[in-house]
PDB file of N, CA and C in Angstrom:
ATOM      1  N   MET A   1     124.597  46.818-141.124  1.00  0.00           N
ATOM      2  CA  MET A   1     124.920  48.190-141.290  1.00  0.00           C
ATOM      3  C   MET A   1     123.708  49.066-141.464  1.00  0.00           C
ATOM      4  N   ALA A   2     122.527  48.549-141.089  1.00  0.00           N
ATOM      5  CA  ALA A   2     121.305  49.254-141.258  1.00  0.00           C
ATOM      6  C   ALA A   2     121.225  50.552-140.458  1.00  0.00           C
ATOM      7  N   ASN A   3     121.951  50.615-139.356  1.00  0.00           N
ATOM      8  CA  ASN A   3     121.937  51.778-138.497  1.00  0.00           C
ATOM      9  C   ASN A   3     123.096  52.732-138.741  1.00  0.00           C
ATOM     10  N   ASP A   4     123.772  52.578-139.905  1.00  0.00           N
ATOM     11  CA  ASP A   4     124.911  53.509-140.224  1.00  0.00           C
ATOM     12  C   ASP A   4     124.321  54.914-140.332  1.00  0.00           C
ATOM     13  N   LEU A   5     125.018  55.917-139.782  1.00  0.00           N
ATOM     14  CA  LEU A   5     124.680  57.301-139.920  1.00  0.00           C
ATOM     15  C   LEU A   5     125.594  57.924-140.929  1.00  0.00           C
ATOM     16  N   VAL A   6     125.041  58.730-141.793  1.00  0.00           N
ATOM     17  CA  VAL A   6     125.841  59.456-142.835  1.00  0.00           C
ATOM     18  C   VAL A   6     125.540  60.955-142.771  1.00  0.00           C
ATOM     19  N   THR A   7     126.497  61.736-143.191  1.00  0.00           N
ATOM     20  CA  THR A   7     126.325  63.164-143.229  1.00  0.00           C
ATOM     21  C   THR A   7     125.256  63.498-144.326  1.00  0.00           C
ATOM     22  N   LEU A   8     124.779  64.735-144.300  1.00  0.00           N
ATOM     23  CA  LEU A   8     123.854  65.141-145.339  1.00  0.00           C
ATOM     24  C   LEU A   8     124.533  65.218-146.689  1.00  0.00           C
ATOM     25  N   THR A   9     125.786  65.548-146.725  1.00  0.00           N
ATOM     26  CA  THR A   9     126.528  65.547-148.009  1.00  0.00           C
ATOM     27  C   THR A   9     126.624  64.154-148.610  1.00  0.00           C
ATOM     28  N   GLU A  10     126.974  63.187-147.781  1.00  0.00           N
ATOM     29  CA  GLU A  10     127.054  61.793-148.215  1.00  0.00           C
ATOM     30  C   GLU A  10     125.674  61.318-148.574  1.00  0.00           C
ATOM     31  N   ALA A  11     124.650  61.628-147.781  1.00  0.00           N
ATOM     32  CA  ALA A  11     123.298  61.182-148.117  1.00  0.00           C
ATOM     33  C   ALA A  11     122.826  61.753-149.437  1.00  0.00           C
ATOM     34  N   ALA A  12     123.099  63.034-149.711  1.00  0.00           N
ATOM     35  CA  ALA A  12     122.709  63.632-150.953  1.00  0.00           C
ATOM     36  C   ALA A  12     123.400  62.926-152.176  1.00  0.00           C
ATOM     37  N   LYS A  13     124.661  62.608-152.037  1.00  0.00           N
ATOM     38  CA  LYS A  13     125.347  61.895-153.112  1.00  0.00           C
ATOM     39  C   LYS A  13     124.742  60.531-153.312  1.00  0.00           C
ATOM     40  N   ARG A  14     124.422  59.835-152.260  1.00  0.00           N
ATOM     41  CA  ARG A  14     123.872  58.479-152.414  1.00  0.00           C
ATOM     42  C   ARG A  14     122.584  58.391-153.155  1.00  0.00           C
ATOM     43  N   ILE A  15     121.723  59.408-152.991  1.00  0.00           N
ATOM     44  CA  ILE A  15     120.428  59.336-153.701  1.00  0.00           C
ATOM     45  C   ILE A  15     120.285  60.366-154.803  1.00  0.00           C
ATOM     46  N   GLY A  16     121.347  61.089-155.064  1.00  0.00           N
ATOM     47  CA  GLY A  16     121.320  61.979-156.188  1.00  0.00           C
ATOM     48  C   GLY A  16     120.433  63.202-156.073  1.00  0.00           C
ATOM     49  N   THR A  17     120.590  63.868-154.898  1.00  0.00           N
ATOM     50  CA  THR A  17     119.830  65.124-154.665  1.00  0.00           C
ATOM     51  C   THR A  17     120.787  66.142-154.039  1.00  0.00           C
ATOM     52  N   THR A  18     120.254  67.196-153.509  1.00  0.00           N
ATOM     53  CA  THR A  18     121.079  68.251-152.896  1.00  0.00           C
ATOM     54  C   THR A  18     120.882  68.203-151.373  1.00  0.00           C
ATOM     55  N   THR A  19     121.816  68.809-150.668  1.00  0.00           N
ATOM     56  CA  THR A  19     121.660  68.919-149.187  1.00  0.00           C
ATOM     57  C   THR A  19     120.497  69.811-148.880  1.00  0.00           C
ATOM     58  N   PHE A  20     120.281  70.831-149.706  1.00  0.00           N
ATOM     59  CA  PHE A  20     119.136  71.735-149.553  1.00  0.00           C
ATOM     60  C   PHE A  20     117.835  70.950-149.488  1.00  0.00           C
ATOM     61  N   THR A  21     117.657  70.034-150.449  1.00  0.00           N
ATOM     62  CA  THR A  21     116.430  69.216-150.510  1.00  0.00           C
ATOM     63  C   THR A  21     116.294  68.389-149.205  1.00  0.00           C
ATOM     64  N   LEU A  22     117.392  67.778-148.814  1.00  0.00           N
ATOM     65  CA  LEU A  22     117.399  66.966-147.608  1.00  0.00           C
ATOM     66  C   LEU A  22     117.012  67.791-146.384  1.00  0.00           C
ATOM     67  N   ARG A  23     117.631  68.963-146.264  1.00  0.00           N
ATOM     68  CA  ARG A  23     117.313  69.844-145.116  1.00  0.00           C
ATOM     69  C   ARG A  23     115.828  70.244-145.103  1.00  0.00           C
ATOM     70  N   ARG A  24     115.285  70.493-146.264  1.00  0.00           N
ATOM     71  CA  ARG A  24     113.866  70.819-146.365  1.00  0.00           C
ATOM     72  C   ARG A  24     112.982  69.633-145.911  1.00  0.00           C
ATOM     73  N   ARG A  25     113.344  68.453-146.370  1.00  0.00           N
ATOM     74  CA  ARG A  25     112.570  67.238-145.998  1.00  0.00           C
ATOM     75  C   ARG A  25     112.688  67.017-144.480  1.00  0.00           C
ATOM     76  N   ILE A  26     113.835  67.268-143.871  1.00  0.00           N
ATOM     77  CA  ILE A  26     114.000  67.125-142.432  1.00  0.00           C
ATOM     78  C   ILE A  26     113.134  68.170-141.723  1.00  0.00           C
ATOM     79  N   ALA A  27     113.192  69.397-142.222  1.00  0.00           N
ATOM     80  CA  ALA A  27     112.389  70.478-141.585  1.00  0.00           C
ATOM     81  C   ALA A  27     110.906  70.180-141.688  1.00  0.00           C
ATOM     82  N   GLU A  28     110.473  69.511-142.745  1.00  0.00           N
ATOM     83  CA  GLU A  28     109.114  69.150-142.920  1.00  0.00           C
ATOM     84  C   GLU A  28     108.681  67.910-142.131  1.00  0.00           C
ATOM     85  N   GLY A  29     109.658  67.281-141.482  1.00  0.00           N
ATOM     86  CA  GLY A  29     109.381  66.092-140.687  1.00  0.00           C
ATOM     87  C   GLY A  29     109.289  64.821-141.488  1.00  0.00           C
ATOM     88  N   GLU A  30     109.708  64.856-142.748  1.00  0.00           N
ATOM     89  CA  GLU A  30     109.600  63.686-143.597  1.00  0.00           C
ATOM     90  C   GLU A  30     110.811  62.740-143.476  1.00  0.00           C
ATOM     91  N   LEU A  31     111.879  63.216-142.886  1.00  0.00           N
ATOM     92  CA  LEU A  31     113.079  62.449-142.716  1.00  0.00           C
ATOM     93  C   LEU A  31     113.660  62.826-141.397  1.00  0.00           C
ATOM     94  N   ASP A  32     114.115  61.833-140.609  1.00  0.00           N
ATOM     95  CA  ASP A  32     114.729  62.088-139.313  1.00  0.00           C
ATOM     96  C   ASP A  32     116.186  62.389-139.406  1.00  0.00           C
ATOM     97  N   ALA A  33     116.617  63.289-138.575  1.00  0.00           N
ATOM     98  CA  ALA A  33     118.027  63.634-138.557  1.00  0.00           C
ATOM     99  C   ALA A  33     118.524  63.726-137.108  1.00  0.00           C
ATOM    100  N   PHE A  34     119.791  63.516-136.910  1.00  0.00           N
ATOM    101  CA  PHE A  34     120.395  63.477-135.566  1.00  0.00           C
ATOM    102  C   PHE A  34     121.623  64.400-135.536  1.00  0.00           C
ATOM    103  N   ALA A  35     121.858  64.990-134.371  1.00  0.00           N
ATOM    104  CA  ALA A  35     123.016  65.799-134.212  1.00  0.00           C
ATOM    105  C   ALA A  35     124.264  64.960-134.290  1.00  0.00           C
ATOM    106  N   ASN A  36     125.297  65.475-134.951  1.00  0.00           N
ATOM    107  CA  ASN A  36     126.578  64.791-135.012  1.00  0.00           C
ATOM    108  C   ASN A  36     127.300  64.975-133.699  1.00  0.00           C
ATOM    109  N   PRO A  37     127.660  63.938-133.008  1.00  0.00           N
ATOM    110  CA  PRO A  37     128.296  64.091-131.684  1.00  0.00           C
ATOM    111  C   PRO A  37     129.652  64.785-131.776  1.00  0.00           C
ATOM    112  N   LEU A  38     130.274  64.816-132.907  1.00  0.00           N
ATOM    113  CA  LEU A  38     131.548  65.518-133.143  1.00  0.00           C
ATOM    114  C   LEU A  38     131.376  66.941-133.523  1.00  0.00           C
ATOM    115  N   ASP A  39     130.216  67.323-134.040  1.00  0.00           N
ATOM    116  CA  ASP A  39     129.930  68.701-134.440  1.00  0.00           C
ATOM    117  C   ASP A  39     128.408  68.894-134.311  1.00  0.00           C
ATOM    118  N   ARG A  40     127.967  69.445-133.205  1.00  0.00           N
ATOM    119  CA  ARG A  40     126.513  69.541-132.892  1.00  0.00           C
ATOM    120  C   ARG A  40     125.769  70.350-133.930  1.00  0.00           C
ATOM    121  N   ARG A  41     126.399  71.139-134.756  1.00  0.00           N
ATOM    122  CA  ARG A  41     125.741  71.910-135.808  1.00  0.00           C
ATOM    123  C   ARG A  41     125.384  71.040-137.019  1.00  0.00           C
ATOM    124  N   ALA A  42     126.190  69.993-137.195  1.00  0.00           N
ATOM    125  CA  ALA A  42     125.998  69.106-138.359  1.00  0.00           C
ATOM    126  C   ALA A  42     124.908  68.079-138.061  1.00  0.00           C
ATOM    127  N   ARG A  43     124.267  67.639-139.094  1.00  0.00           N
ATOM    128  CA  ARG A  43     123.182  66.640-138.980  1.00  0.00           C
ATOM    129  C   ARG A  43     123.609  65.348-139.674  1.00  0.00           C
ATOM    130  N   LEU A  44     123.075  64.234-139.113  1.00  0.00           N
ATOM    131  CA  LEU A  44     123.311  62.906-139.703  1.00  0.00           C
ATOM    132  C   LEU A  44     121.966  62.237-139.944  1.00  0.00           C
ATOM    133  N   VAL A  45     121.917  61.403-140.937  1.00  0.00           N
ATOM    134  CA  VAL A  45     120.692  60.606-141.165  1.00  0.00           C
ATOM    135  C   VAL A  45     121.061  59.135-141.228  1.00  0.00           C
ATOM    136  N   ARG A  46     120.127  58.282-140.859  1.00  0.00           N
ATOM    137  CA  ARG A  46     120.354  56.831-140.959  1.00  0.00           C
ATOM    138  C   ARG A  46     120.274  56.437-142.429  1.00  0.00           C
ATOM    139  N   ALA A  47     121.313  55.682-142.872  1.00  0.00           N
ATOM    140  CA  ALA A  47     121.351  55.231-144.300  1.00  0.00           C
ATOM    141  C   ALA A  47     120.101  54.464-144.656  1.00  0.00           C
ATOM    142  N   ALA A  48     119.658  53.584-143.766  1.00  0.00           N
ATOM    143  CA  ALA A  48     118.458  52.769-144.045  1.00  0.00           C
ATOM    144  C   ALA A  48     117.238  53.627-144.170  1.00  0.00           C
ATOM    145  N   ASP A  49     117.063  54.659-143.306  1.00  0.00           N
ATOM    146  CA  ASP A  49     115.923  55.574-143.410  1.00  0.00           C
ATOM    147  C   ASP A  49     115.956  56.306-144.732  1.00  0.00           C
ATOM    148  N   LEU A  50     117.120  56.762-145.104  1.00  0.00           N
ATOM    149  CA  LEU A  50     117.310  57.557-146.330  1.00  0.00           C
ATOM    150  C   LEU A  50     116.911  56.725-147.561  1.00  0.00           C
ATOM    151  N   GLU A  51     117.416  55.470-147.650  1.00  0.00           N
ATOM    152  CA  GLU A  51     117.128  54.632-148.800  1.00  0.00           C
ATOM    153  C   GLU A  51     115.638  54.224-148.820  1.00  0.00           C
ATOM    154  N   ARG A  52     115.069  54.001-147.698  1.00  0.00           N
ATOM    155  CA  ARG A  52     113.635  53.672-147.608  1.00  0.00           C
ATOM    156  C   ARG A  52     112.802  54.882-148.037  1.00  0.00           C
ATOM    157  N   TYR A  53     113.135  56.054-147.579  1.00  0.00           N
ATOM    158  CA  TYR A  53     112.421  57.265-147.936  1.00  0.00           C
ATOM    159  C   TYR A  53     112.567  57.604-149.409  1.00  0.00           C
ATOM    160  N   ALA A  54     113.786  57.443-149.926  1.00  0.00           N
ATOM    161  CA  ALA A  54     114.052  57.702-151.346  1.00  0.00           C
ATOM    162  C   ALA A  54     113.218  56.809-152.237  1.00  0.00           C
ATOM    163  N   ALA A  55     113.030  55.535-151.799  1.00  0.00           N
ATOM    164  CA  ALA A  55     112.256  54.592-152.582  1.00  0.00           C
ATOM    165  C   ALA A  55     110.753  54.951-152.603  1.00  0.00           C
ATOM    166  N   ILE A  56     110.312  55.566-151.484  1.00  0.00           N
ATOM    167  CA  ILE A  56     108.863  55.935-151.387  1.00  0.00           C
ATOM    168  C   ILE A  56     108.605  57.227-152.112  1.00  0.00           C
ATOM    169  N   ARG A  57     109.417  58.198-151.903  1.00  0.00           N
ATOM    170  CA  ARG A  57     109.250  59.568-152.446  1.00  0.00           C
ATOM    171  C   ARG A  57     110.516  60.057-153.013  1.00  0.00           C
ATOM    172  N   PRO A  58     110.605  60.231-154.295  1.00  0.00           N
ATOM    173  CA  PRO A  58     111.857  60.745-154.890  1.00  0.00           C
ATOM    174  C   PRO A  58     112.244  62.058-154.337  1.00  0.00           C
ATOM    175  N   LEU A  59     113.545  62.223-154.044  1.00  0.00           N
ATOM    176  CA  LEU A  59     114.018  63.471-153.486  1.00  0.00           C
ATOM    177  C   LEU A  59     114.695  64.326-154.553  1.00  0.00           C
ATOM    178  N   THR A  60     114.891  63.793-155.722  1.00  0.00           N
ATOM    179  CA  THR A  60     115.578  64.528-156.754  1.00  0.00           C
ATOM    180  C   THR A  60     114.687  65.612-157.330  1.00  0.00           C
ATOM    181  N   GLY A  61     115.318  66.672-157.787  1.00  0.00           N
ATOM    182  CA  GLY A  61     114.553  67.768-158.399  1.00  0.00           C
ATOM    183  C   GLY A  61     113.890  68.675-157.428  1.00  0.00           C
ATOM    184  N   ASP A  62     114.230  69.896-157.470  1.00  0.00           N
ATOM    185  CA  ASP A  62     113.625  70.850-156.586  1.00  0.00           C
ATOM    186  C   ASP A  62     112.578  71.720-157.320  1.00  0.00           C
ATOM    187  N   HIS A  63     112.086  71.162-158.438  1.00  0.00           N
ATOM    188  CA  HIS A  63     111.152  71.906-159.229  1.00  0.00           C
ATOM    189  C   HIS A  63     109.747  71.730-158.701  1.00  0.00           C
ATOM    190  N   HIS A  64     109.004  72.803-158.671  1.00  0.00           N
ATOM    191  CA  HIS A  64     107.591  72.722-158.201  1.00  0.00           C
ATOM    192  C   HIS A  64     106.727  73.218-159.321  1.00  0.00           C
ATOM    193  N   ASP A  65     105.528  72.707-159.498  1.00  0.00           N
ATOM    194  CA  ASP A  65     104.641  73.297-160.434  1.00  0.00           C
ATOM    195  C   ASP A  65     103.879  74.446-159.778  1.00  0.00           C
ATOM    196  N   ALA A  66     103.228  75.201-160.540  1.00  0.00           N
ATOM    197  CA  ALA A  66     102.569  76.430-160.056  1.00  0.00           C
ATOM    198  C   ALA A  66     101.540  76.131-159.002  1.00  0.00           C
ATOM    199  N   THR A  67     100.945  74.987-159.005  1.00  0.00           N
ATOM    200  CA  THR A  67      99.902  74.670-158.035  1.00  0.00           C
ATOM    201  C   THR A  67     100.492  74.429-156.618  1.00  0.00           C
ATOM    202  N   ASP A  68     101.794  74.184-156.551  1.00  0.00           N
ATOM    203  CA  ASP A  68     102.462  74.005-155.225  1.00  0.00           C
ATOM    204  C   ASP A  68     102.919  75.307-154.669  1.00  0.00           C
ATOM    205  N   ALA A  69     102.917  76.357-155.437  1.00  0.00           N
ATOM    206  CA  ALA A  69     103.500  77.632-155.033  1.00  0.00           C
ATOM    207  C   ALA A  69     102.822  78.211-153.807  1.00  0.00           C
ATOM    208  N   THR A  70     103.614  78.647-152.864  1.00  0.00           N
ATOM    209  CA  THR A  70     103.119  79.332-151.681  1.00  0.00           C
ATOM    210  C   THR A  70     103.578  80.792-151.803  1.00  0.00           C
ATOM    211  N   PRO A  71     102.694  81.695-151.647  1.00  0.00           N
ATOM    212  CA  PRO A  71     103.112  83.085-151.707  1.00  0.00           C
ATOM    213  C   PRO A  71     104.182  83.457-150.698  1.00  0.00           C
ATOM    214  N   LEU A  72     105.161  84.242-151.081  1.00  0.00           N
ATOM    215  CA  LEU A  72     106.174  84.668-150.168  1.00  0.00           C
ATOM    216  C   LEU A  72     105.684  85.714-149.249  1.00  0.00           C
ATOM    217  N   MET A  73     104.775  86.559-149.687  1.00  0.00           N
ATOM    218  CA  MET A  73     104.279  87.640-148.901  1.00  0.00           C
ATOM    219  C   MET A  73     102.743  87.626-148.927  1.00  0.00           C
ATOM    220  N   ALA A  74     102.133  87.906-147.822  1.00  0.00           N
ATOM    221  CA  ALA A  74     100.696  87.987-147.844  1.00  0.00           C
ATOM    222  C   ALA A  74     100.225  89.276-148.513  1.00  0.00           C
ATOM    223  N   SER A  75      99.181  89.202-149.255  1.00  0.00           N
ATOM    224  CA  SER A  75      98.630  90.381-149.949  1.00  0.00           C
ATOM    225  C   SER A  75      97.760  91.198-149.021  1.00  0.00           C
TER     226      SER A  75
END
């Protein structure tokens, strides 16, 4: 079952994070996602990739310290 695909909602529940965090990780290229063939707008992730990634880099907590802050607007 290593190639099982799960929705972002299911993936978030499995590793204890939010879909927002998963979407950000996907956008940053840290986690692969695939279009759902039943709904092209929805994304799926491989369960094995998710578990491997979660073991390497914790996905929980969306808190950043001040040194990570990126300005929203250029001065």
